[in-house]
Amino acid sequence: MDFFFYRDAQNTPNVPRVVTLGAFDGVHLGHQKLLARLNELALRYPDAKRTLITFEPLPHEFFLGDKAPGRIMSLKEKLIFLKAHNAVDEVIILPFTHAVREWTPTQFIQHFLVETLGVKGIVVGDDFRFGIKATGSYQDLLEASRIYPFEVIKEDYYYIGDTRISSTLIRSALAESNFNQAALYLGRPYTMISRVVYGNQLARTLGTATINLPLKRFKPLFTGVYNVYATLCKTGEKLNGVANIGYRPTVNGIKPNLEVHLHDINRNLYGADVSVQFLSKIRDERRFESLEALKAQILADAQVSKDYFNLLK
């Protein structure tokens, strides 16, 4: 699977494409329905690349800034998922800038989709909007398809019972640490993926080895201490652990961070990509008055987690 940040038409490979567009935050069951329809469409255009167009930042992040809700999935996690499932041949990341924001629906269709991307077919969801002030809609695409040689398909929402699956619904489930509900809507367990880096080595001074997984721009949808599975992406080895996700108030942390203590494992994992699956919540994140109090709580959390996994004391 190829991916690149769109800059201009000159730097975009000149190939025919069938495309779907959107934020695809979480790539949940509704998104997967769109991707399945894209794959069906691609059968009619065997020379066309199956292409997903997404945005960076996401449009709601551009408009809301720091008040925007956190992402279900980072860009890296999105790309990893799409590649692992052979969902598309190509991902084009469209930087959401002031200039892009000002594109009219006609500019978006004619310049970007037709002239630059050479679209043969487009799959969109029920609520897809585009162009300045979100004035473009499925109807505009349909009318344009009578002028330009492309096909337009509108896919319905995905429902479980009477519940329409959406990224907003999943964010709400995760905010409540309801991982079973989130997994139902995602079609898979909720995970975060990051690369192990050197931290401040504080955990080692407290007598416990912890892997440090920075979240970078990722704004966590939940904080606290959790039972987790940590899977080494390279080998698939699954390890039990207890994770703290949040801002580490006791040591005056500023950026969100994910730390995982692996039970009865003490090995050098620096540089390894790790997928963390959240299972259940142990407690909220809180500030402790001293490092000694923090140490005692870390040991207590580890024991609670070992009991959860039925490990020997």
Protein backbone atom coordinates (compact mmCIF):
# COMPACT_ATOMS: atom_id res chain seq x y z
CA MET A 1 0.00 0.00 0.00
CA ASP A 2 1.32 3.44 -0.97
CA PHE A 3 0.61 6.67 0.87
CA PHE A 4 1.66 10.27 0.42
CA PHE A 5 0.75 13.82 1.42
CA TYR A 6 -0.88 15.67 -1.45
CA ARG A 7 0.98 18.83 -2.51
CA ASP A 8 -0.06 19.59 -6.07
CA ALA A 9 -1.07 17.92 -9.32
CA GLN A 10 2.53 17.75 -10.59
CA ASN A 11 3.59 15.55 -7.67
CA THR A 12 0.60 13.20 -7.91
CA PRO A 13 1.02 9.95 -9.86
CA ASN A 14 -1.06 10.06 -13.04
CA VAL A 15 -3.15 6.89 -12.72
CA PRO A 16 -6.90 6.14 -12.81
CA ARG A 17 -8.52 5.77 -9.40
CA VAL A 18 -11.67 4.72 -7.60
CA VAL A 19 -11.87 6.68 -4.36
CA THR A 20 -13.60 7.10 -1.05
CA LEU A 21 -13.15 10.17 1.11
CA GLY A 22 -13.44 11.16 4.76
CA ALA A 23 -11.81 11.38 8.16
CA PHE A 24 -12.08 7.61 8.72
CA ASP A 25 -11.31 8.11 12.41
CA GLY A 26 -11.20 4.63 13.88
CA VAL A 27 -11.98 2.84 10.59
CA HIS A 28 -15.06 1.46 12.35
CA LEU A 29 -17.75 -0.82 10.92
CA GLY A 30 -19.38 2.06 9.05
CA HIS A 31 -16.07 2.94 7.42
CA GLN A 32 -15.45 -0.71 6.64
CA LYS A 33 -18.79 -0.82 4.84
CA LEU A 34 -17.59 2.03 2.61
CA LEU A 35 -14.31 0.23 1.94
CA ALA A 36 -16.15 -2.98 1.04
CA ARG A 37 -18.26 -1.02 -1.46
CA LEU A 38 -15.08 0.58 -2.85
CA ASN A 39 -13.64 -2.88 -3.44
CA GLU A 40 -16.81 -3.92 -5.26
CA LEU A 41 -16.58 -0.80 -7.42
CA ALA A 42 -12.90 -1.52 -8.17
CA LEU A 43 -13.89 -4.81 -9.85
CA ARG A 44 -15.47 -2.76 -12.64
CA TYR A 45 -12.28 -0.73 -13.11
CA PRO A 46 -9.39 -3.23 -12.89
CA ASP A 47 -6.84 -0.65 -14.05
CA ALA A 48 -7.79 1.80 -11.27
CA LYS A 49 -6.12 2.17 -7.88
CA ARG A 50 -8.35 1.71 -4.84
CA THR A 51 -7.71 5.04 -3.09
CA LEU A 52 -8.71 6.44 0.29
CA ILE A 53 -8.47 10.21 0.68
CA THR A 54 -8.23 11.48 4.23
CA PHE A 55 -7.17 14.72 5.92
CA GLU A 56 -4.43 15.98 8.20
CA PRO A 57 -5.39 17.63 10.43
CA LEU A 58 -8.92 16.30 10.47
CA PRO A 59 -11.40 19.06 9.52
CA HIS A 60 -12.94 19.27 13.00
CA GLU A 61 -9.44 19.68 14.46
CA PHE A 62 -8.76 22.55 12.03
CA PHE A 63 -11.90 24.40 13.09
CA LEU A 64 -11.98 23.57 16.82
CA GLY A 65 -8.27 23.56 17.64
CA ASP A 66 -7.56 22.52 21.24
CA LYS A 67 -11.30 22.09 21.83
CA ALA A 68 -11.54 19.31 19.24
CA PRO A 69 -12.25 15.84 20.60
CA GLY A 70 -9.35 13.40 20.65
CA ARG A 71 -8.82 10.92 17.86
CA ILE A 72 -9.79 7.29 18.09
CA MET A 73 -6.83 6.48 15.89
CA SER A 74 -3.61 8.28 14.96
CA LEU A 75 -2.61 8.63 11.32
CA LYS A 76 0.09 5.98 11.82
CA GLU A 77 -2.44 3.55 13.30
CA LYS A 78 -4.86 4.22 10.44
CA LEU A 79 -2.21 3.45 7.83
CA ILE A 80 -1.12 0.29 9.67
CA PHE A 81 -4.72 -0.99 9.81
CA LEU A 82 -5.46 -0.25 6.14
CA LYS A 83 -2.26 -1.95 5.00
CA ALA A 84 -2.73 -5.00 7.23
CA HIS A 85 -6.24 -5.57 5.86
CA ASN A 86 -5.38 -4.81 2.22
CA ALA A 87 -8.24 -2.34 2.31
CA VAL A 88 -6.89 0.00 -0.39
CA ASP A 89 -3.95 0.34 -2.75
CA GLU A 90 -3.22 3.95 -1.89
CA VAL A 91 -3.90 6.56 0.78
CA ILE A 92 -3.71 10.23 -0.17
CA ILE A 93 -3.42 12.54 2.82
CA LEU A 94 -4.85 15.95 1.94
CA PRO A 95 -3.46 18.67 4.25
CA PHE A 96 -6.49 20.58 5.52
CA THR A 97 -5.29 24.16 5.13
CA HIS A 98 -6.93 27.57 4.75
CA ALA A 99 -6.51 27.21 0.98
CA VAL A 100 -8.18 23.78 0.88
CA ARG A 101 -10.93 25.10 3.14
CA GLU A 102 -11.75 27.73 0.49
CA TRP A 103 -12.14 25.27 -2.38
CA THR A 104 -15.61 25.47 -3.91
CA PRO A 105 -17.43 22.20 -4.59
CA THR A 106 -16.74 22.74 -8.30
CA GLN A 107 -12.99 23.23 -7.68
CA PHE A 108 -12.88 20.14 -5.48
CA ILE A 109 -14.58 18.00 -8.10
CA GLN A 110 -13.06 19.40 -11.31
CA HIS A 111 -9.50 20.25 -10.21
CA PHE A 112 -8.82 17.71 -7.49
CA LEU A 113 -10.93 14.65 -8.27
CA VAL A 114 -11.13 14.75 -12.06
CA GLU A 115 -8.05 16.57 -13.38
CA THR A 116 -5.57 15.58 -10.66
CA LEU A 117 -6.74 12.15 -9.49
CA GLY A 118 -8.41 10.87 -12.64
CA VAL A 119 -11.33 9.33 -10.74
CA LYS A 120 -13.42 6.64 -12.39
CA GLY A 121 -15.70 6.10 -9.42
CA ILE A 122 -16.44 7.60 -6.00
CA VAL A 123 -17.97 6.02 -2.88
CA VAL A 124 -19.25 8.38 -0.16
CA GLY A 125 -21.26 8.04 3.02
CA ASP A 126 -24.70 9.48 3.69
CA ASP A 127 -23.33 12.51 5.52
CA PHE A 128 -20.35 13.35 3.28
CA ARG A 129 -19.89 17.09 2.73
CA PHE A 130 -17.08 18.99 1.02
CA GLY A 131 -16.03 22.40 -0.25
CA ILE A 132 -16.21 25.83 1.38
CA LYS A 133 -18.55 25.87 4.39
CA ALA A 134 -19.40 22.22 3.60
CA THR A 135 -21.69 23.33 0.79
CA GLY A 136 -20.88 20.35 -1.44
CA SER A 137 -22.91 17.15 -1.18
CA TYR A 138 -23.65 13.84 -2.86
CA GLN A 139 -26.05 15.70 -5.16
CA ASP A 140 -23.19 17.86 -6.48
CA LEU A 141 -21.13 14.75 -7.20
CA LEU A 142 -24.09 13.15 -8.94
CA GLU A 143 -24.65 16.20 -11.14
CA ALA A 144 -20.92 16.39 -11.94
CA SER A 145 -20.94 12.71 -12.98
CA ARG A 146 -23.23 13.68 -15.85
CA ILE A 147 -20.46 15.96 -17.15
CA TYR A 148 -17.31 14.05 -16.22
CA PRO A 149 -16.74 10.32 -16.78
CA PHE A 150 -17.02 9.01 -13.22
CA GLU A 151 -19.52 6.94 -11.27
CA VAL A 152 -20.92 7.95 -7.85
CA ILE A 153 -22.15 5.56 -5.16
CA LYS A 154 -23.72 6.64 -1.87
CA GLU A 155 -23.51 4.07 0.91
CA ASP A 156 -25.97 3.99 3.82
CA TYR A 157 -24.98 4.17 7.48
CA TYR A 158 -24.05 0.99 9.33
CA TYR A 159 -26.48 -0.01 12.09
CA ILE A 160 -26.35 -2.49 14.92
CA GLY A 161 -29.99 -2.85 15.85
CA ASP A 162 -31.28 0.72 15.99
CA THR A 163 -27.84 2.19 16.73
CA ARG A 164 -26.03 4.03 13.95
CA ILE A 165 -22.30 3.43 14.24
CA SER A 166 -20.21 6.60 14.26
CA SER A 167 -16.85 7.89 15.47
CA THR A 168 -18.70 10.08 18.00
CA LEU A 169 -20.38 7.02 19.49
CA ILE A 170 -17.04 5.22 19.81
CA ARG A 171 -15.39 8.25 21.43
CA SER A 172 -18.18 8.26 24.02
CA ALA A 173 -17.70 4.56 24.76
CA LEU A 174 -13.95 5.02 25.16
CA ALA A 175 -14.41 8.08 27.39
CA GLU A 176 -16.32 5.77 29.74
CA SER A 177 -13.63 3.05 29.40
CA ASN A 178 -16.31 0.80 27.92
CA PHE A 179 -13.93 -1.21 25.75
CA ASN A 180 -16.42 -4.00 24.99
CA GLN A 181 -18.85 -1.47 23.53
CA ALA A 182 -16.09 0.24 21.54
CA ALA A 183 -14.93 -3.14 20.19
CA LEU A 184 -18.49 -3.93 19.06
CA TYR A 185 -18.64 -0.72 17.03
CA LEU A 186 -15.08 -0.99 15.71
CA GLY A 187 -15.41 -4.65 14.77
CA ARG A 188 -12.19 -5.39 16.69
CA PRO A 189 -10.59 -4.65 20.08
CA TYR A 190 -9.48 -1.07 20.67
CA THR A 191 -5.71 -0.65 20.55
CA MET A 192 -3.03 2.03 20.46
CA ILE A 193 0.27 1.57 18.66
CA SER A 194 3.50 3.38 19.49
CA ARG A 195 7.25 2.86 19.51
CA VAL A 196 9.12 2.30 22.77
CA VAL A 197 11.41 5.22 23.63
CA TYR A 198 13.62 6.16 26.55
CA GLY A 199 11.67 7.90 29.30
CA ASN A 200 12.89 9.60 32.44
CA GLN A 201 13.83 6.21 33.94
CA LEU A 202 11.70 7.04 36.99
CA ALA A 203 10.04 3.61 37.00
CA ARG A 204 13.43 1.92 37.36
CA THR A 205 14.22 3.97 40.44
CA LEU A 206 10.94 2.75 41.90
CA GLY A 207 11.91 -0.87 41.39
CA THR A 208 9.78 -1.62 38.34
CA ALA A 209 10.70 -1.60 34.63
CA THR A 210 8.20 0.17 32.37
CA ILE A 211 8.07 0.72 28.60
CA ASN A 212 7.46 4.30 27.58
CA LEU A 213 5.13 4.86 24.58
CA PRO A 214 4.72 8.52 23.56
CA LEU A 215 1.38 9.53 22.07
CA LYS A 216 2.84 12.64 20.39
CA ARG A 217 -0.10 14.70 19.01
CA PHE A 218 -2.60 12.11 20.16
CA LYS A 219 -5.09 13.55 22.66
CA PRO A 220 -6.23 10.59 24.77
CA LEU A 221 -9.96 9.96 25.02
CA PHE A 222 -9.49 8.46 28.49
CA THR A 223 -6.93 8.48 31.27
CA GLY A 224 -6.19 6.18 34.17
CA VAL A 225 -4.68 2.81 34.99
CA TYR A 226 -5.74 -0.27 32.99
CA ASN A 227 -5.20 -3.98 32.51
CA VAL A 228 -3.78 -4.45 29.01
CA TYR A 229 -2.35 -6.84 26.49
CA ALA A 230 0.85 -5.51 24.88
CA THR A 231 1.63 -7.16 21.56
CA LEU A 232 5.03 -6.82 19.91
CA CYS A 233 4.14 -5.83 16.35
CA LYS A 234 7.17 -7.51 14.78
CA THR A 235 6.71 -10.97 16.31
CA GLY A 236 3.06 -11.01 17.45
CA GLU A 237 4.13 -11.96 20.99
CA LYS A 238 1.35 -11.01 23.44
CA LEU A 239 2.30 -9.95 26.98
CA ASN A 240 0.18 -9.11 30.05
CA GLY A 241 0.60 -5.74 31.65
CA VAL A 242 -0.75 -2.77 33.57
CA ALA A 243 -0.82 0.59 31.78
CA ASN A 244 -1.02 4.20 32.86
CA ILE A 245 -2.29 6.60 30.22
CA GLY A 246 -2.44 10.29 30.94
CA TYR A 247 -0.31 13.24 31.97
CA ARG A 248 1.64 11.86 34.97
CA PRO A 249 0.64 14.67 37.39
CA THR A 250 2.91 13.45 40.19
CA VAL A 251 6.01 14.21 38.10
CA ASN A 252 4.48 17.31 36.48
CA GLY A 253 3.93 15.71 33.09
CA ILE A 254 2.63 17.94 30.29
CA LYS A 255 2.31 15.77 27.17
CA PRO A 256 0.06 12.72 27.20
CA ASN A 257 1.95 9.49 27.56
CA LEU A 258 1.33 5.76 27.72
CA GLU A 259 3.44 3.66 30.10
CA VAL A 260 3.09 -0.10 30.36
CA HIS A 261 4.57 -2.31 33.07
CA LEU A 262 4.91 -5.83 31.67
CA HIS A 263 4.36 -8.46 34.34
CA ASP A 264 7.43 -10.55 35.10
CA ILE A 265 9.19 -9.31 31.96
CA ASN A 266 12.43 -7.37 32.07
CA ARG A 267 13.82 -7.11 28.57
CA ASN A 268 15.19 -4.39 26.33
CA LEU A 269 12.35 -3.34 24.02
CA TYR A 270 13.62 0.10 23.03
CA GLY A 271 12.74 0.85 19.41
CA ALA A 272 10.05 -1.85 19.22
CA ASP A 273 6.54 -1.04 17.95
CA VAL A 274 3.96 -2.19 20.48
CA SER A 275 0.18 -2.51 20.13
CA VAL A 276 -1.64 -2.00 23.43
CA GLN A 277 -5.13 -3.47 23.86
CA PHE A 278 -7.12 -2.05 26.78
CA LEU A 279 -9.11 -4.61 28.74
CA SER A 280 -10.47 -3.03 31.94
CA LYS A 281 -9.96 -0.01 34.18
CA ILE A 282 -8.28 -0.27 37.57
CA ARG A 283 -8.47 3.33 38.75
CA ASP A 284 -8.40 7.00 37.71
CA GLU A 285 -5.14 8.86 37.25
CA ARG A 286 -4.31 11.09 40.22
CA ARG A 287 -1.52 13.11 41.75
CA PHE A 288 0.43 11.67 44.70
CA GLU A 289 2.11 13.75 47.37
CA SER A 290 5.45 11.95 47.12
CA LEU A 291 7.39 9.49 45.01
CA GLU A 292 7.14 7.00 47.86
CA ALA A 293 3.35 7.18 47.71
CA LEU A 294 3.51 6.78 43.93
CA LYS A 295 5.79 3.74 44.28
CA ALA A 296 3.41 2.11 46.73
CA GLN A 297 0.49 2.68 44.38
CA ILE A 298 2.41 1.32 41.37
CA LEU A 299 3.13 -1.88 43.29
CA ALA A 300 -0.51 -2.11 44.39
CA ASP A 301 -1.75 -1.58 40.82
CA ALA A 302 0.62 -4.27 39.58
CA GLN A 303 -0.75 -6.73 42.12
CA VAL A 304 -4.36 -5.93 41.20
CA SER A 305 -3.45 -6.52 37.55
CA LYS A 306 -1.67 -9.80 38.30
CA ASP A 307 -4.80 -10.98 40.08
CA TYR A 308 -6.83 -10.02 37.00
CA PHE A 309 -4.59 -12.19 34.82
CA ASN A 310 -4.50 -14.98 37.43
CA LEU A 311 -0.72 -14.74 37.73
CA LEU A 312 1.14 -16.10 40.70
CA LYS A 313 2.15 -13.57 43.34
